[in-house]
Amino acid sequence: MQNIVIVGMGGFLGAVARFLIGMWIGQNWGRNFPLGTFVVNVSGSFLIGFFMVLFTERFMLNPQWRTFFIIGFLGAYTTFSTFEYETGALIKDSEWLIAALNVAMSVITGFAALKLGEGAARIL
């Protein structure tokens, strides 16, 4: 039961962070390209790479911190389902190039961010 509460608390904070960041980006840079989802997914990829290395290789923390942050916070923060929906909406609107850019940029940049996060945690 304790782990469920820990995941729930992290998930609440991650979902709120995702909402606020996506809303702020949309208000400031528009919504033609799903930039808010892109930024959240790339930063989430960086953070999971960074913190998994920290939690498993660098620091011996209570495993509940990993449960809270990786499963709870980042699980709710990253938005793969939203990414899929927005890509489908772009295709429905015949925005094939933007949809393809969204897929390619999200996958490639997300993977690069994951590796940068891992590397950053190792040089800390």
N, C-alpha and C. Protein backbone atom coordinates (compact mmCIF):
# COMPACT_ATOMS: atom_id res chain seq x y z
N MET A 1 0.82 -1.20 0.00
CA MET A 1 0.00 0.00 0.00
C MET A 1 0.87 1.26 0.00
N GLN A 2 1.99 1.21 0.71
CA GLN A 2 2.87 2.37 0.79
C GLN A 2 3.41 2.76 -0.59
N ASN A 3 3.80 1.78 -1.40
CA ASN A 3 4.31 2.07 -2.74
C ASN A 3 3.23 2.67 -3.63
N ILE A 4 1.99 2.28 -3.44
CA ILE A 4 0.89 2.84 -4.23
C ILE A 4 0.75 4.33 -3.91
N VAL A 5 0.85 4.67 -2.65
CA VAL A 5 0.76 6.08 -2.25
C VAL A 5 1.94 6.86 -2.80
N ILE A 6 3.14 6.28 -2.76
CA ILE A 6 4.34 6.94 -3.27
C ILE A 6 4.21 7.20 -4.77
N VAL A 7 3.77 6.19 -5.52
CA VAL A 7 3.57 6.36 -6.97
C VAL A 7 2.49 7.41 -7.23
N GLY A 8 1.42 7.37 -6.45
CA GLY A 8 0.34 8.34 -6.62
C GLY A 8 0.78 9.77 -6.37
N MET A 9 1.59 9.98 -5.35
CA MET A 9 2.08 11.34 -5.07
C MET A 9 2.99 11.81 -6.20
N GLY A 10 3.89 10.96 -6.65
CA GLY A 10 4.76 11.33 -7.77
C GLY A 10 3.96 11.55 -9.03
N GLY A 11 2.97 10.70 -9.27
CA GLY A 11 2.13 10.84 -10.46
C GLY A 11 1.34 12.13 -10.46
N PHE A 12 0.83 12.51 -9.31
CA PHE A 12 0.10 13.78 -9.21
C PHE A 12 1.00 14.94 -9.60
N LEU A 13 2.20 14.98 -9.05
CA LEU A 13 3.13 16.07 -9.35
C LEU A 13 3.57 16.06 -10.81
N GLY A 14 3.80 14.86 -11.36
CA GLY A 14 4.21 14.76 -12.76
C GLY A 14 3.11 15.21 -13.71
N ALA A 15 1.87 14.83 -13.41
CA ALA A 15 0.76 15.24 -14.26
C ALA A 15 0.55 16.74 -14.22
N VAL A 16 0.67 17.32 -13.05
CA VAL A 16 0.52 18.77 -12.91
C VAL A 16 1.65 19.48 -13.66
N ALA A 17 2.87 18.98 -13.53
CA ALA A 17 4.01 19.58 -14.24
C ALA A 17 3.80 19.50 -15.74
N ARG A 18 3.34 18.36 -16.23
CA ARG A 18 3.09 18.19 -17.67
C ARG A 18 2.03 19.19 -18.14
N PHE A 19 0.95 19.33 -17.40
CA PHE A 19 -0.11 20.25 -17.76
C PHE A 19 0.39 21.69 -17.81
N LEU A 20 1.11 22.11 -16.76
CA LEU A 20 1.58 23.50 -16.69
C LEU A 20 2.59 23.82 -17.78
N ILE A 21 3.52 22.91 -18.02
CA ILE A 21 4.53 23.14 -19.06
C ILE A 21 3.88 23.17 -20.44
N GLY A 22 3.01 22.20 -20.72
CA GLY A 22 2.33 22.17 -22.01
C GLY A 22 1.48 23.41 -22.25
N MET A 23 0.77 23.86 -21.21
CA MET A 23 -0.06 25.05 -21.33
C MET A 23 0.80 26.29 -21.57
N TRP A 24 1.89 26.42 -20.83
CA TRP A 24 2.76 27.59 -20.95
C TRP A 24 3.39 27.65 -22.35
N ILE A 25 3.87 26.52 -22.83
CA ILE A 25 4.48 26.49 -24.16
C ILE A 25 3.44 26.81 -25.23
N GLY A 26 2.25 26.23 -25.11
CA GLY A 26 1.20 26.51 -26.08
C GLY A 26 0.81 27.98 -26.13
N GLN A 27 0.75 28.62 -24.96
CA GLN A 27 0.39 30.03 -24.90
C GLN A 27 1.48 30.93 -25.46
N ASN A 28 2.73 30.51 -25.32
CA ASN A 28 3.84 31.35 -25.74
C ASN A 28 4.35 31.06 -27.15
N TRP A 29 4.18 29.85 -27.65
CA TRP A 29 4.71 29.50 -28.97
C TRP A 29 3.67 28.96 -29.93
N GLY A 30 2.43 28.95 -29.55
CA GLY A 30 1.38 28.49 -30.44
C GLY A 30 1.19 26.99 -30.40
N ARG A 31 0.22 26.55 -31.18
CA ARG A 31 -0.14 25.14 -31.15
C ARG A 31 -0.14 24.48 -32.52
N ASN A 32 0.50 25.09 -33.53
CA ASN A 32 0.57 24.48 -34.85
C ASN A 32 1.33 23.17 -34.81
N PHE A 33 2.44 23.16 -34.12
CA PHE A 33 3.24 21.96 -33.90
C PHE A 33 3.09 21.61 -32.43
N PRO A 34 2.91 20.34 -32.07
CA PRO A 34 2.70 19.98 -30.67
C PRO A 34 3.99 20.11 -29.84
N LEU A 35 4.47 21.34 -29.74
CA LEU A 35 5.74 21.61 -29.08
C LEU A 35 5.71 21.29 -27.58
N GLY A 36 4.59 21.55 -26.92
CA GLY A 36 4.50 21.26 -25.49
C GLY A 36 4.73 19.79 -25.20
N THR A 37 4.07 18.92 -25.94
CA THR A 37 4.25 17.47 -25.78
C THR A 37 5.67 17.07 -26.13
N PHE A 38 6.20 17.66 -27.19
CA PHE A 38 7.57 17.37 -27.61
C PHE A 38 8.56 17.71 -26.50
N VAL A 39 8.45 18.91 -25.93
CA VAL A 39 9.36 19.35 -24.86
C VAL A 39 9.23 18.46 -23.64
N VAL A 40 8.01 18.12 -23.27
CA VAL A 40 7.80 17.26 -22.11
C VAL A 40 8.41 15.88 -22.35
N ASN A 41 8.19 15.29 -23.53
CA ASN A 41 8.74 13.97 -23.79
C ASN A 41 10.26 13.97 -23.86
N VAL A 42 10.85 14.98 -24.47
CA VAL A 42 12.31 15.04 -24.56
C VAL A 42 12.91 15.29 -23.18
N SER A 43 12.36 16.22 -22.43
CA SER A 43 12.90 16.47 -21.08
C SER A 43 12.67 15.27 -20.18
N GLY A 44 11.54 14.57 -20.35
CA GLY A 44 11.30 13.35 -19.58
C GLY A 44 12.30 12.26 -19.93
N SER A 45 12.65 12.16 -21.20
CA SER A 45 13.67 11.19 -21.62
C SER A 45 15.02 11.51 -20.99
N PHE A 46 15.37 12.80 -21.00
CA PHE A 46 16.62 13.21 -20.35
C PHE A 46 16.59 12.86 -18.86
N LEU A 47 15.50 13.21 -18.20
CA LEU A 47 15.40 13.00 -16.76
C LEU A 47 15.43 11.52 -16.38
N ILE A 48 14.79 10.66 -17.18
CA ILE A 48 14.81 9.24 -16.84
C ILE A 48 16.22 8.67 -17.03
N GLY A 49 16.91 9.10 -18.08
CA GLY A 49 18.30 8.67 -18.25
C GLY A 49 19.17 9.15 -17.12
N PHE A 50 19.04 10.40 -16.75
CA PHE A 50 19.83 11.02 -15.69
C PHE A 50 19.59 10.36 -14.34
N PHE A 51 18.33 10.26 -13.96
CA PHE A 51 18.03 9.76 -12.62
C PHE A 51 18.18 8.25 -12.49
N MET A 52 17.98 7.48 -13.54
CA MET A 52 18.21 6.04 -13.43
C MET A 52 19.69 5.75 -13.21
N VAL A 53 20.56 6.50 -13.87
CA VAL A 53 21.99 6.31 -13.61
C VAL A 53 22.32 6.75 -12.18
N LEU A 54 21.80 7.89 -11.77
CA LEU A 54 22.07 8.35 -10.40
C LEU A 54 21.56 7.34 -9.38
N PHE A 55 20.35 6.85 -9.56
CA PHE A 55 19.72 5.97 -8.57
C PHE A 55 20.30 4.56 -8.59
N THR A 56 20.84 4.11 -9.72
CA THR A 56 21.33 2.74 -9.80
C THR A 56 22.85 2.60 -9.81
N GLU A 57 23.56 3.66 -10.21
CA GLU A 57 25.02 3.56 -10.33
C GLU A 57 25.78 4.49 -9.41
N ARG A 58 25.23 5.65 -9.12
CA ARG A 58 26.01 6.68 -8.42
C ARG A 58 25.69 6.79 -6.93
N PHE A 59 24.43 6.78 -6.59
CA PHE A 59 24.02 7.00 -5.20
C PHE A 59 23.15 5.84 -4.73
N MET A 60 23.37 5.46 -3.50
CA MET A 60 22.54 4.42 -2.92
C MET A 60 21.44 5.08 -2.12
N LEU A 61 20.32 5.34 -2.78
CA LEU A 61 19.17 5.96 -2.14
C LEU A 61 18.13 4.89 -1.82
N ASN A 62 17.25 5.24 -0.95
CA ASN A 62 16.12 4.38 -0.66
C ASN A 62 15.38 4.11 -1.98
N PRO A 63 15.08 2.84 -2.30
CA PRO A 63 14.42 2.52 -3.57
C PRO A 63 13.07 3.22 -3.74
N GLN A 64 12.50 3.69 -2.68
CA GLN A 64 11.22 4.39 -2.80
C GLN A 64 11.37 5.72 -3.54
N TRP A 65 12.56 6.30 -3.53
CA TRP A 65 12.77 7.52 -4.31
C TRP A 65 12.67 7.23 -5.80
N ARG A 66 13.19 6.09 -6.21
CA ARG A 66 13.08 5.70 -7.62
C ARG A 66 11.61 5.42 -7.96
N THR A 67 10.90 4.76 -7.06
CA THR A 67 9.48 4.51 -7.26
C THR A 67 8.72 5.82 -7.41
N PHE A 68 9.00 6.78 -6.54
CA PHE A 68 8.33 8.08 -6.55
C PHE A 68 8.63 8.83 -7.84
N PHE A 69 9.91 8.94 -8.19
CA PHE A 69 10.30 9.81 -9.29
C PHE A 69 10.17 9.15 -10.65
N ILE A 70 10.69 7.94 -10.81
CA ILE A 70 10.70 7.29 -12.12
C ILE A 70 9.31 6.78 -12.49
N ILE A 71 8.72 5.99 -11.61
CA ILE A 71 7.41 5.40 -11.93
C ILE A 71 6.30 6.43 -11.77
N GLY A 72 6.30 7.15 -10.65
CA GLY A 72 5.24 8.10 -10.37
C GLY A 72 5.35 9.38 -11.19
N PHE A 73 6.37 10.19 -10.87
CA PHE A 73 6.49 11.50 -11.50
C PHE A 73 6.69 11.40 -13.01
N LEU A 74 7.73 10.69 -13.45
CA LEU A 74 8.01 10.64 -14.88
C LEU A 74 6.99 9.82 -15.65
N GLY A 75 6.38 8.83 -15.00
CA GLY A 75 5.32 8.06 -15.65
C GLY A 75 4.13 8.94 -16.01
N ALA A 76 3.82 9.87 -15.14
CA ALA A 76 2.70 10.79 -15.41
C ALA A 76 3.15 11.99 -16.24
N TYR A 77 4.40 12.37 -16.10
CA TYR A 77 4.93 13.56 -16.79
C TYR A 77 5.06 13.34 -18.29
N THR A 78 5.63 12.23 -18.71
CA THR A 78 5.79 11.99 -20.14
C THR A 78 4.45 11.65 -20.75
N THR A 79 4.30 11.91 -22.01
CA THR A 79 2.97 11.92 -22.60
C THR A 79 2.91 11.16 -23.92
N PHE A 80 3.27 9.90 -23.91
CA PHE A 80 3.27 9.16 -25.16
C PHE A 80 1.87 9.06 -25.76
N SER A 81 0.87 8.88 -24.93
CA SER A 81 -0.49 8.79 -25.47
C SER A 81 -0.91 10.12 -26.10
N THR A 82 -0.54 11.23 -25.50
CA THR A 82 -0.85 12.53 -26.08
C THR A 82 -0.09 12.72 -27.38
N PHE A 83 1.15 12.29 -27.41
CA PHE A 83 1.96 12.34 -28.63
C PHE A 83 1.26 11.59 -29.76
N GLU A 84 0.77 10.40 -29.46
CA GLU A 84 0.09 9.61 -30.48
C GLU A 84 -1.19 10.29 -30.95
N TYR A 85 -1.96 10.83 -30.02
CA TYR A 85 -3.21 11.50 -30.38
C TYR A 85 -2.94 12.71 -31.27
N GLU A 86 -1.98 13.54 -30.87
CA GLU A 86 -1.66 14.74 -31.64
C GLU A 86 -1.13 14.40 -33.03
N THR A 87 -0.34 13.35 -33.12
CA THR A 87 0.15 12.91 -34.43
C THR A 87 -1.01 12.43 -35.30
N GLY A 88 -1.93 11.67 -34.70
CA GLY A 88 -3.11 11.23 -35.44
C GLY A 88 -3.97 12.40 -35.90
N ALA A 89 -4.09 13.42 -35.05
CA ALA A 89 -4.88 14.60 -35.43
C ALA A 89 -4.22 15.34 -36.60
N LEU A 90 -2.89 15.41 -36.59
CA LEU A 90 -2.18 16.04 -37.70
C LEU A 90 -2.43 15.28 -39.00
N ILE A 91 -2.39 13.96 -38.94
CA ILE A 91 -2.63 13.14 -40.13
C ILE A 91 -4.08 13.32 -40.60
N LYS A 92 -5.01 13.33 -39.67
CA LYS A 92 -6.43 13.54 -40.02
C LYS A 92 -6.63 14.87 -40.74
N ASP A 93 -5.85 15.88 -40.33
CA ASP A 93 -5.93 17.21 -40.95
C ASP A 93 -5.03 17.32 -42.19
N SER A 94 -4.51 16.19 -42.67
CA SER A 94 -3.63 16.12 -43.84
C SER A 94 -2.33 16.90 -43.66
N GLU A 95 -1.88 17.01 -42.44
CA GLU A 95 -0.60 17.66 -42.13
C GLU A 95 0.48 16.58 -42.03
N TRP A 96 0.69 15.90 -43.15
CA TRP A 96 1.58 14.74 -43.17
C TRP A 96 3.02 15.10 -42.82
N LEU A 97 3.52 16.19 -43.34
CA LEU A 97 4.91 16.57 -43.07
C LEU A 97 5.10 16.91 -41.59
N ILE A 98 4.19 17.67 -41.02
CA ILE A 98 4.31 18.02 -39.60
C ILE A 98 4.19 16.76 -38.74
N ALA A 99 3.29 15.85 -39.11
CA ALA A 99 3.15 14.59 -38.37
C ALA A 99 4.44 13.78 -38.43
N ALA A 100 5.03 13.68 -39.62
CA ALA A 100 6.28 12.93 -39.78
C ALA A 100 7.41 13.59 -38.99
N LEU A 101 7.47 14.92 -39.04
CA LEU A 101 8.48 15.63 -38.25
C LEU A 101 8.30 15.39 -36.76
N ASN A 102 7.05 15.40 -36.32
CA ASN A 102 6.77 15.16 -34.90
C ASN A 102 7.27 13.78 -34.47
N VAL A 103 6.99 12.77 -35.28
CA VAL A 103 7.42 11.41 -34.96
C VAL A 103 8.94 11.31 -34.97
N ALA A 104 9.56 11.75 -36.05
CA ALA A 104 11.01 11.63 -36.18
C ALA A 104 11.74 12.44 -35.11
N MET A 105 11.31 13.69 -34.93
CA MET A 105 11.99 14.54 -33.95
C MET A 105 11.80 14.01 -32.52
N SER A 106 10.61 13.53 -32.20
CA SER A 106 10.35 13.04 -30.85
C SER A 106 11.19 11.80 -30.54
N VAL A 107 11.24 10.88 -31.49
CA VAL A 107 11.99 9.64 -31.26
C VAL A 107 13.49 9.91 -31.22
N ILE A 108 14.01 10.62 -32.20
CA ILE A 108 15.45 10.86 -32.28
C ILE A 108 15.91 11.77 -31.13
N THR A 109 15.22 12.87 -30.92
CA THR A 109 15.63 13.80 -29.87
C THR A 109 15.40 13.20 -28.49
N GLY A 110 14.33 12.44 -28.32
CA GLY A 110 14.08 11.78 -27.04
C GLY A 110 15.19 10.79 -26.70
N PHE A 111 15.63 10.02 -27.70
CA PHE A 111 16.72 9.07 -27.47
C PHE A 111 18.02 9.79 -27.15
N ALA A 112 18.30 10.86 -27.90
CA ALA A 112 19.50 11.66 -27.63
C ALA A 112 19.45 12.25 -26.22
N ALA A 113 18.27 12.73 -25.80
CA ALA A 113 18.13 13.29 -24.46
C ALA A 113 18.35 12.22 -23.39
N LEU A 114 17.85 11.01 -23.63
CA LEU A 114 18.09 9.90 -22.70
C LEU A 114 19.59 9.68 -22.52
N LYS A 115 20.32 9.62 -23.63
CA LYS A 115 21.77 9.36 -23.57
C LYS A 115 22.51 10.54 -22.93
N LEU A 116 22.07 11.78 -23.21
CA LEU A 116 22.68 12.93 -22.55
C LEU A 116 22.44 12.90 -21.05
N GLY A 117 21.25 12.50 -20.64
CA GLY A 117 20.95 12.39 -19.21
C GLY A 117 21.82 11.35 -18.54
N GLU A 118 22.01 10.21 -19.19
CA GLU A 118 22.89 9.17 -18.65
C GLU A 118 24.32 9.69 -18.51
N GLY A 119 24.79 10.35 -19.56
CA GLY A 119 26.15 10.89 -19.54
C GLY A 119 26.32 11.95 -18.49
N ALA A 120 25.35 12.86 -18.36
CA ALA A 120 25.42 13.91 -17.34
C ALA A 120 25.48 13.32 -15.94
N ALA A 121 24.72 12.29 -15.70
CA ALA A 121 24.72 11.66 -14.37
C ALA A 121 26.06 10.98 -14.08
N ARG A 122 26.70 10.47 -15.10
CA ARG A 122 27.99 9.78 -14.89
C ARG A 122 29.15 10.74 -14.64
N ILE A 123 29.05 11.99 -15.11
CA ILE A 123 30.15 12.92 -14.88
C ILE A 123 29.93 13.77 -13.63
N LEU A 124 28.79 13.62 -13.02
CA LEU A 124 28.50 14.36 -11.79
C LEU A 124 29.46 14.05 -10.68
